[in-house]
Amino acid sequence: MRIFPSLAGLVLVSGLAAAQENALPATLTLAEAKRIALAGNPGVKALLARVEAAEAVVGQSRSARYPQVNATASAAWLRDVSVANGDADDIPYFQVGITANWLLFDGFATRFRVEAAKAGVESNLANWQDGQRLLARGVAVAFLNCLLATESGMVAEHDAQFNGELLDEARKRLEAGNGPRVDVLNFSVRVRTAQNNLLGTQREVRAAHQVLASLLGLASGDLPEGTALATPDMVSAETLPKADAAIDQALAARPDLLRYQHAIAQLDAAVSAIRAGYKPQVVAQASYAMAHASDPWFHVDRDADSYVGMALSWDIFDGRLKEYSIAENQALLLSTSEARNQLRIDIASEVRRALDSAATAAKQYANQAEITDMSREIREIVRKEYASGLSPLTRLNEVQTDLVRAEGNLSQASIRYQQALEDLAAAIGHNLP
């Protein structure tokens, strides 16, 4: 079956991931993070084990096609209870033999059971693939949250650095008798505030790293020290697919939809297997045995017995068991079919929402980039005016706050756009590395 190469490969990669936990790349990309998670996450391994269990069910169903051979041996003590005085001795009786049965015809029930088991494998395989899709989406969310927290920390650090420079200038003015003490206090407060913000963002970075490490399956529960995360390349909104084309791709690729389709095939085969019970069964039988009384020493010429024959059995009435079993499976079939139809509707809606979010996020990022550039230019102009005495302190505080807010919003807009692209890829079913 096709799952074994995948299973062996994932077990090998999983072992390597565990061995190299402390040797992650110095710069970790999102695609590499997904690969590590898919190889090392225990939840995905559990889903893969279910696929292997379903493979074994196929072998169990196929076993009915082969002869069944049984060897027997027995020892018993016989008493003739017809003796009137009841003093008859027990007679030891020994028997050994071998029997073979071969199911020649069962109304094709075995064939349908094998087909149902194969559909079960495909259903579990689709479930495993959908688990990978959802895990990859979770890794993307955690990865981008790490980047967002890091970017927020950089904004806070730049804010603290800028206000620190102004604080140094204010102190020099105060010492020279050209500036008021309130300026020194103002910038001291702003430096401390920026430092507090920086401490908060550093804690957020550590928490985001720990969440990502959990999804990657790292036993330490944290990324190795010194691991940096690479910012994904920005993708132009012009490359976004059309809605109808994206929906068609999703309906063809989404594993959760394929899982329903395989479940329907499995129930169809189960109904056919039950209906096969209305037909007779034909079994070829053969036996060779030896039996001897008094002692276990057999004599082939007088103790051996054998037979070869055919047996036919036909269930005439079973209390309508098969009828109700078929009704149960047909009801489940209808339920699964309607659930699949609802999922198709949900997928189409999800893809359209993801497309709209991605297009909107792209425009917001472009607008915020311009806002940030203009805010930075305004801040530099006002800083020069403040230094020359043309602008008051309150104006400089205002433009610096605007710039910090603009830079934070730019970082968020960038991450939101990347996240929207990941959500779109997950909605279509194309988010695996």
Protein backbone atom coordinates (compact mmCIF):
# COMPACT_ATOMS: atom_id res chain seq x y z
CA MET A 1 0.00 0.00 0.00
CA ARG A 2 1.19 3.49 -0.71
CA ILE A 3 1.27 4.66 2.90
CA PHE A 4 4.36 2.69 3.93
CA PRO A 5 6.94 4.86 2.08
CA SER A 6 5.35 7.95 3.63
CA LEU A 7 5.30 6.36 7.08
CA ALA A 8 8.94 5.28 6.88
CA GLY A 9 9.96 8.70 5.63
CA LEU A 10 8.13 10.54 8.37
CA VAL A 11 9.52 8.26 11.08
CA LEU A 12 13.03 8.92 9.78
CA VAL A 13 12.50 12.68 9.57
CA SER A 14 10.86 12.64 13.01
CA GLY A 15 13.93 11.00 14.50
CA LEU A 16 16.19 13.52 12.82
CA ALA A 17 14.02 16.40 14.05
CA ALA A 18 14.28 15.16 17.63
CA ALA A 19 18.05 14.64 17.32
CA GLN A 20 18.62 18.08 15.83
CA GLU A 21 16.34 20.09 18.12
CA ASN A 22 19.30 22.07 19.39
CA ALA A 23 20.72 22.47 15.88
CA LEU A 24 17.92 24.34 14.13
CA PRO A 25 19.00 26.66 11.32
CA ALA A 26 20.35 29.97 12.56
CA THR A 27 17.62 31.62 10.48
CA LEU A 28 14.36 29.66 10.38
CA THR A 29 12.00 30.21 7.44
CA LEU A 30 8.26 29.64 7.59
CA ALA A 31 8.49 26.76 5.10
CA GLU A 32 11.20 25.07 7.17
CA ALA A 33 9.16 25.57 10.35
CA LYS A 34 6.23 23.80 8.70
CA ARG A 35 8.44 20.88 7.65
CA ILE A 36 9.81 20.46 11.16
CA ALA A 37 6.31 20.59 12.65
CA LEU A 38 4.91 18.05 10.19
CA ALA A 39 7.75 15.67 11.07
CA GLY A 40 7.83 16.16 14.83
CA ASN A 41 4.33 17.05 16.01
CA PRO A 42 2.82 14.13 18.03
CA GLY A 43 -0.71 14.89 16.86
CA VAL A 44 0.22 14.32 13.22
CA LYS A 45 2.04 11.11 14.16
CA ALA A 46 -1.13 9.87 15.88
CA LEU A 47 -3.19 10.51 12.74
CA LEU A 48 -0.61 8.66 10.66
CA ALA A 49 -0.79 5.68 13.02
CA ARG A 50 -4.54 5.54 12.35
CA VAL A 51 -3.78 5.25 8.64
CA GLU A 52 -1.53 2.29 9.36
CA ALA A 53 -4.29 0.71 11.46
CA ALA A 54 -6.70 1.13 8.55
CA GLU A 55 -4.13 -0.58 6.29
CA ALA A 56 -4.21 -3.56 8.62
CA VAL A 57 -8.01 -3.72 8.33
CA VAL A 58 -7.61 -4.19 4.57
CA GLY A 59 -5.38 -7.20 5.24
CA GLN A 60 -7.92 -8.57 7.70
CA SER A 61 -10.69 -8.33 5.10
CA ARG A 62 -8.56 -10.00 2.43
CA SER A 63 -7.77 -12.94 4.71
CA ALA A 64 -11.23 -14.41 3.98
CA ARG A 65 -10.10 -15.13 0.41
CA TYR A 66 -7.54 -17.70 1.53
CA PRO A 67 -7.97 -21.22 2.92
CA GLN A 68 -8.33 -21.53 6.67
CA VAL A 69 -6.32 -24.46 8.06
CA ASN A 70 -6.72 -25.75 11.62
CA ALA A 71 -4.88 -28.51 13.46
CA THR A 72 -6.61 -30.24 16.39
CA ALA A 73 -5.62 -32.76 19.05
CA SER A 74 -7.75 -34.15 21.85
CA ALA A 75 -7.70 -36.68 24.64
CA ALA A 76 -10.94 -37.90 26.28
CA TRP A 77 -12.22 -40.64 28.54
CA LEU A 78 -15.32 -42.54 27.44
CA ARG A 79 -17.75 -44.41 29.70
CA ASP A 80 -20.52 -46.72 28.55
CA VAL A 81 -23.42 -45.54 30.70
CA SER A 82 -25.66 -48.33 29.38
CA VAL A 83 -23.93 -50.89 31.64
CA ALA A 84 -26.47 -51.79 34.34
CA ASN A 85 -24.17 -52.29 37.27
CA GLY A 86 -22.40 -48.93 36.65
CA ASP A 87 -18.96 -50.55 37.08
CA ALA A 88 -17.74 -49.91 33.52
CA ASP A 89 -14.19 -48.57 33.20
CA ASP A 90 -13.32 -45.29 31.51
CA ILE A 91 -11.72 -45.85 28.13
CA PRO A 92 -9.11 -43.29 27.01
CA TYR A 93 -9.72 -41.96 23.50
CA PHE A 94 -7.14 -39.94 21.52
CA GLN A 95 -7.61 -37.96 18.29
CA VAL A 96 -5.45 -35.72 16.07
CA GLY A 97 -6.35 -34.12 12.75
CA ILE A 98 -6.12 -31.27 10.35
CA THR A 99 -8.99 -29.51 8.56
CA ALA A 100 -9.09 -26.96 5.78
CA ASN A 101 -11.95 -24.71 4.71
CA TRP A 102 -11.92 -22.48 1.66
CA LEU A 103 -14.70 -19.97 1.08
CA LEU A 104 -15.44 -20.20 -2.64
CA PHE A 105 -18.46 -17.90 -2.86
CA ASP A 106 -20.12 -15.53 -0.39
CA GLY A 107 -22.15 -13.34 -2.70
CA PHE A 108 -19.05 -11.09 -3.19
CA ALA A 109 -19.30 -9.96 0.44
CA THR A 110 -15.53 -10.29 0.90
CA ARG A 111 -14.86 -8.14 -2.15
CA PHE A 112 -17.12 -5.39 -0.82
CA ARG A 113 -15.56 -5.61 2.65
CA VAL A 114 -12.12 -5.14 1.09
CA GLU A 115 -13.41 -2.16 -0.86
CA ALA A 116 -14.89 -0.69 2.32
CA ALA A 117 -11.57 -1.19 4.12
CA LYS A 118 -9.67 0.49 1.28
CA ALA A 119 -12.05 3.44 1.44
CA GLY A 120 -11.38 3.53 5.18
CA VAL A 121 -7.66 3.82 4.47
CA GLU A 122 -8.26 6.70 2.07
CA SER A 123 -10.54 8.38 4.61
CA ASN A 124 -7.92 8.13 7.35
CA LEU A 125 -5.26 9.26 4.92
CA ALA A 126 -7.34 12.34 4.07
CA ASN A 127 -7.82 12.94 7.81
CA TRP A 128 -4.04 12.81 8.28
CA GLN A 129 -3.54 15.24 5.40
CA ASP A 130 -6.14 17.59 6.83
CA GLY A 131 -4.35 17.42 10.17
CA GLN A 132 -1.20 18.49 8.34
CA ARG A 133 -3.08 21.35 6.69
CA LEU A 134 -4.42 22.63 10.00
CA LEU A 135 -1.04 22.19 11.72
CA ALA A 136 0.70 24.13 8.95
CA ARG A 137 -1.86 26.89 9.38
CA GLY A 138 -1.26 26.94 13.14
CA VAL A 139 2.50 27.09 12.61
CA ALA A 140 2.04 30.04 10.26
CA VAL A 141 -0.06 31.88 12.86
CA ALA A 142 2.52 31.24 15.60
CA PHE A 143 5.45 32.09 13.32
CA LEU A 144 3.90 35.38 12.21
CA ASN A 145 2.95 36.25 15.79
CA CYS A 146 6.62 35.82 16.69
CA LEU A 147 7.54 38.25 13.92
CA LEU A 148 4.85 40.70 15.01
CA ALA A 149 6.07 40.64 18.62
CA THR A 150 9.65 41.11 17.43
CA GLU A 151 8.67 44.04 15.23
CA SER A 152 6.75 45.63 18.09
CA GLY A 153 9.85 45.28 20.24
CA MET A 154 11.96 47.00 17.60
CA VAL A 155 9.48 49.89 17.45
CA ALA A 156 9.62 50.26 21.24
CA GLU A 157 13.41 50.08 21.15
CA HIS A 158 13.61 52.81 18.48
CA ASP A 159 11.21 54.95 20.49
CA ALA A 160 13.37 54.55 23.61
CA GLN A 161 16.52 55.34 21.62
CA PHE A 162 15.01 58.46 20.03
CA ASN A 163 13.73 59.80 23.35
CA GLY A 164 17.08 58.96 24.92
CA GLU A 165 18.81 61.15 22.35
CA LEU A 166 16.39 64.01 23.07
CA LEU A 167 16.94 63.48 26.80
CA ASP A 168 20.69 63.93 26.34
CA GLU A 169 20.09 67.15 24.39
CA ALA A 170 17.68 68.47 27.05
CA ARG A 171 20.20 67.79 29.80
CA LYS A 172 22.93 69.60 27.92
CA ARG A 173 20.62 72.60 27.45
CA LEU A 174 19.69 72.56 31.11
CA GLU A 175 23.33 72.45 32.16
CA ALA A 176 24.10 75.29 29.76
CA GLY A 177 21.20 77.32 31.12
CA ASN A 178 19.38 77.32 27.77
CA GLY A 179 16.61 74.83 28.52
CA PRO A 180 13.98 74.18 31.22
CA ARG A 181 14.01 71.22 33.59
CA VAL A 182 10.54 70.22 32.41
CA ASP A 183 12.05 69.08 29.09
CA VAL A 184 14.42 66.76 30.93
CA LEU A 185 11.53 65.35 32.97
CA ASN A 186 9.37 64.99 29.85
CA PHE A 187 11.92 62.96 27.93
CA SER A 188 12.85 60.95 31.04
CA VAL A 189 9.20 59.90 31.37
CA ARG A 190 9.00 58.99 27.68
CA VAL A 191 12.23 56.95 27.86
CA ARG A 192 10.94 55.00 30.87
CA THR A 193 7.59 54.45 29.14
CA ALA A 194 9.33 53.16 26.01
CA GLN A 195 11.49 50.87 28.15
CA ASN A 196 8.38 49.45 29.84
CA ASN A 197 6.84 48.86 26.42
CA LEU A 198 10.05 47.13 25.34
CA LEU A 199 9.97 44.82 28.37
CA GLY A 200 6.37 43.90 27.55
CA THR A 201 7.16 43.13 23.92
CA GLN A 202 10.17 41.04 24.93
CA ARG A 203 7.86 38.93 27.09
CA GLU A 204 5.48 38.60 24.15
CA VAL A 205 8.37 37.44 21.96
CA ARG A 206 9.32 34.74 24.46
CA ALA A 207 5.70 33.55 24.75
CA ALA A 208 5.31 33.46 20.96
CA HIS A 209 8.53 31.44 20.66
CA GLN A 210 7.24 28.94 23.21
CA VAL A 211 3.97 28.47 21.32
CA LEU A 212 5.87 27.95 18.07
CA ALA A 213 8.22 25.46 19.74
CA SER A 214 5.22 23.46 20.96
CA LEU A 215 3.83 23.20 17.44
CA LEU A 216 7.26 22.23 16.12
CA GLY A 217 7.29 19.33 18.56
CA LEU A 218 10.41 20.51 20.41
CA ALA A 219 10.66 18.72 23.75
CA SER A 220 12.35 21.72 25.38
CA GLY A 221 9.22 23.83 24.85
CA ASP A 222 11.23 26.77 23.49
CA LEU A 223 13.27 27.71 20.44
CA PRO A 224 17.02 27.24 20.83
CA GLU A 225 18.80 30.42 21.84
CA GLY A 226 20.00 32.43 18.87
CA THR A 227 17.35 31.17 16.44
CA ALA A 228 16.11 33.98 14.21
CA LEU A 229 12.93 33.94 12.13
CA ALA A 230 13.05 35.05 8.51
CA THR A 231 10.39 37.50 7.38
CA PRO A 232 8.48 36.06 4.38
CA ASP A 233 8.73 37.94 1.11
CA MET A 234 5.85 40.27 0.38
CA VAL A 235 3.56 39.02 -2.38
CA SER A 236 1.84 41.43 -4.72
CA ALA A 237 -1.93 41.50 -4.53
CA GLU A 238 -1.96 41.22 -8.32
CA THR A 239 -0.95 37.56 -7.97
CA LEU A 240 -4.09 36.64 -6.02
CA PRO A 241 -6.26 34.10 -7.89
CA LYS A 242 -9.78 34.71 -9.10
CA ALA A 243 -12.52 33.54 -6.74
CA ASP A 244 -14.05 30.88 -9.01
CA ALA A 245 -10.67 29.39 -9.88
CA ALA A 246 -9.64 29.34 -6.21
CA ILE A 247 -12.88 27.61 -5.21
CA ASP A 248 -12.38 24.94 -7.89
CA GLN A 249 -8.86 24.32 -6.59
CA ALA A 250 -10.13 24.04 -3.02
CA LEU A 251 -12.89 21.58 -3.93
CA ALA A 252 -10.32 19.40 -5.66
CA ALA A 253 -7.59 19.63 -3.01
CA ARG A 254 -9.17 20.03 0.44
CA PRO A 255 -8.49 16.82 2.41
CA ASP A 256 -11.52 17.29 4.69
CA LEU A 257 -13.79 17.21 1.62
CA LEU A 258 -11.98 14.14 0.25
CA ARG A 259 -12.49 12.49 3.64
CA TYR A 260 -16.26 12.76 3.24
CA GLN A 261 -16.08 11.36 -0.28
CA HIS A 262 -14.11 8.32 0.90
CA ALA A 263 -16.51 7.88 3.83
CA ILE A 264 -19.40 7.77 1.35
CA ALA A 265 -17.57 5.12 -0.69
CA GLN A 266 -16.94 3.14 2.49
CA LEU A 267 -20.65 3.17 3.43
CA ASP A 268 -21.65 2.22 -0.12
CA ALA A 269 -19.37 -0.82 0.04
CA ALA A 270 -20.68 -1.71 3.50
CA VAL A 271 -24.27 -1.74 2.19
CA SER A 272 -23.24 -4.00 -0.70
CA ALA A 273 -21.45 -6.35 1.69
CA ILE A 274 -24.59 -6.67 3.83
CA ARG A 275 -26.76 -7.32 0.77
CA ALA A 276 -24.38 -10.10 -0.23
CA GLY A 277 -25.61 -11.94 2.86
CA TYR A 278 -28.88 -12.65 1.01
CA LYS A 279 -26.95 -15.02 -1.28
CA PRO A 280 -25.72 -18.53 -0.39
CA GLN A 281 -22.21 -19.36 0.75
CA VAL A 282 -20.20 -22.19 -0.82
CA VAL A 283 -17.26 -23.63 1.11
CA ALA A 284 -14.79 -26.33 0.06
CA GLN A 285 -13.84 -28.58 2.97
CA ALA A 286 -11.15 -31.18 3.56
CA SER A 287 -10.07 -33.13 6.62
CA TYR A 288 -7.55 -35.77 7.66
CA ALA A 289 -7.69 -37.22 11.17
CA MET A 290 -6.66 -40.22 13.22
CA ALA A 291 -8.43 -41.57 16.30
CA HIS A 292 -7.49 -44.44 18.62
CA ALA A 293 -8.74 -45.79 21.92
CA SER A 294 -6.73 -46.99 24.91
CA ASP A 295 -3.37 -45.45 23.91
CA PRO A 296 -2.07 -42.57 21.75
CA TRP A 297 -0.20 -44.83 19.32
CA PHE A 298 -1.98 -44.41 15.99
CA HIS A 299 -1.95 -46.90 13.13
CA VAL A 300 -2.43 -45.26 9.74
CA ASP A 301 -3.95 -48.35 8.13
CA ARG A 302 -6.85 -48.61 10.58
CA ASP A 303 -7.06 -45.32 12.57
CA ALA A 304 -6.93 -42.70 9.77
CA ASP A 305 -9.98 -41.01 8.28
CA SER A 306 -10.27 -38.27 5.65
CA TYR A 307 -12.86 -36.51 3.58
CA VAL A 308 -13.16 -33.88 0.87
CA GLY A 309 -16.41 -32.13 0.10
CA MET A 310 -18.45 -29.03 -0.53
CA ALA A 311 -20.84 -27.29 1.83
CA LEU A 312 -23.58 -24.83 0.94
CA SER A 313 -25.35 -22.63 3.48
CA TRP A 314 -28.09 -20.09 2.93
CA ASP A 315 -29.60 -17.81 5.57
CA ILE A 316 -33.34 -18.02 4.98
CA PHE A 317 -34.47 -15.74 7.83
CA ASP A 318 -32.45 -13.74 10.34
CA GLY A 319 -35.15 -11.69 12.02
CA ARG A 320 -34.70 -8.91 9.41
CA LEU A 321 -31.19 -8.19 10.79
CA LYS A 322 -29.71 -7.51 7.36
CA GLU A 323 -32.66 -5.31 6.39
CA TYR A 324 -32.19 -3.05 9.40
CA SER A 325 -28.41 -3.02 8.99
CA ILE A 326 -28.85 -1.79 5.42
CA ALA A 327 -31.32 0.86 6.59
CA GLU A 328 -28.83 2.05 9.22
CA ASN A 329 -25.99 2.38 6.72
CA GLN A 330 -28.20 4.09 4.15
CA ALA A 331 -29.22 6.67 6.75
CA LEU A 332 -25.54 7.23 7.60
CA LEU A 333 -24.85 7.51 3.90
CA LEU A 334 -27.46 10.25 3.52
CA SER A 335 -26.13 12.08 6.57
CA THR A 336 -22.54 11.94 5.28
CA SER A 337 -23.61 13.07 1.83
CA GLU A 338 -25.44 16.10 3.21
CA ALA A 339 -22.48 16.93 5.46
CA ARG A 340 -20.25 16.85 2.39
CA ASN A 341 -22.62 19.17 0.52
CA GLN A 342 -22.58 21.61 3.45
CA LEU A 343 -18.79 21.49 3.57
CA ARG A 344 -18.62 22.36 -0.14
CA ILE A 345 -20.71 25.46 0.59
CA ASP A 346 -18.54 26.32 3.60
CA ILE A 347 -15.34 25.93 1.58
CA ALA A 348 -16.61 28.26 -1.14
CA SER A 349 -17.54 30.86 1.48
CA GLU A 350 -14.21 30.43 3.30
CA VAL A 351 -12.22 30.90 0.09
CA ARG A 352 -14.13 34.05 -0.84
CA ARG A 353 -13.63 35.51 2.65
CA ALA A 354 -9.93 34.68 2.56
CA LEU A 355 -9.55 36.29 -0.86
CA ASP A 356 -11.33 39.43 0.27
CA SER A 357 -9.23 39.61 3.44
CA ALA A 358 -6.00 39.20 1.46
CA ALA A 359 -6.93 41.90 -1.05
CA THR A 360 -7.99 44.29 1.72
CA ALA A 361 -4.86 43.59 3.78
CA ALA A 362 -2.66 44.29 0.75
CA LYS A 363 -4.24 47.70 0.23
CA GLN A 364 -4.03 48.51 3.94
CA TYR A 365 -0.33 47.61 3.98
CA ALA A 366 0.39 49.85 0.99
CA ASN A 367 -1.49 52.75 2.56
CA GLN A 368 0.18 52.26 5.94
CA ALA A 369 3.63 52.21 4.32
CA GLU A 370 2.95 55.67 2.89
CA ILE A 371 1.57 56.89 6.22
CA THR A 372 4.71 55.71 8.00
CA ASP A 373 7.04 57.39 5.51
CA MET A 374 5.17 60.67 5.84
CA SER A 375 5.08 60.41 9.66
CA ARG A 376 8.84 59.84 9.75
CA GLU A 377 9.41 62.89 7.52
CA ILE A 378 7.13 65.03 9.71
CA ARG A 379 8.97 63.90 12.85
CA GLU A 380 12.36 64.87 11.39
CA ILE A 381 11.05 68.31 10.34
CA VAL A 382 9.53 69.01 13.76
CA ARG A 383 12.67 67.73 15.51
CA LYS A 384 14.76 70.32 13.63
CA GLU A 385 12.20 73.02 14.38
CA TYR A 386 12.27 72.10 18.09
CA ALA A 387 16.06 72.21 18.12
CA SER A 388 15.97 75.70 16.61
CA GLY A 389 13.17 76.85 18.94
CA LEU A 390 10.47 77.08 16.26
CA SER A 391 8.24 74.25 17.58
CA PRO A 392 7.15 73.56 21.17
CA LEU A 393 7.90 70.40 23.10
CA THR A 394 4.29 69.26 22.91
CA ARG A 395 4.45 69.28 19.12
CA LEU A 396 7.56 67.08 19.13
CA ASN A 397 5.90 64.65 21.57
CA GLU A 398 2.87 64.52 19.32
CA VAL A 399 4.74 63.72 16.09
CA GLN A 400 6.95 61.15 17.84
CA THR A 401 3.85 59.41 19.19
CA ASP A 402 2.33 59.47 15.70
CA LEU A 403 5.47 57.89 14.24
CA VAL A 404 5.60 55.14 16.88
CA ARG A 405 1.94 54.38 16.24
CA ALA A 406 2.49 54.42 12.46
CA GLU A 407 5.46 52.04 12.66
CA GLY A 408 3.52 49.67 14.91
CA ASN A 409 0.56 49.77 12.54
CA LEU A 410 2.89 49.07 9.60
CA SER A 411 4.26 45.98 11.31
CA GLN A 412 0.75 44.81 12.09
CA ALA A 413 -0.41 45.50 8.53
CA SER A 414 2.50 43.47 7.14
CA ILE A 415 1.78 40.52 9.43
CA ARG A 416 -1.97 40.73 8.73
CA TYR A 417 -1.27 40.55 5.01
CA GLN A 418 1.05 37.56 5.43
CA GLN A 419 -1.53 35.90 7.65
CA ALA A 420 -4.27 36.57 5.11
CA LEU A 421 -2.14 34.89 2.45
CA GLU A 422 -1.61 31.87 4.73
CA ASP A 423 -5.34 31.70 5.48
CA LEU A 424 -6.05 31.76 1.75
CA ALA A 425 -3.52 28.99 1.08
CA ALA A 426 -5.05 26.90 3.89
CA ALA A 427 -8.56 27.52 2.57
CA ILE A 428 -7.52 26.29 -0.87
CA GLY A 429 -5.53 23.40 0.60
CA HIS A 430 -2.15 24.51 -0.77
CA ASN A 431 -0.37 25.61 2.41
CA LEU A 432 1.94 22.62 2.88
CA PRO A 433 5.64 23.07 2.12
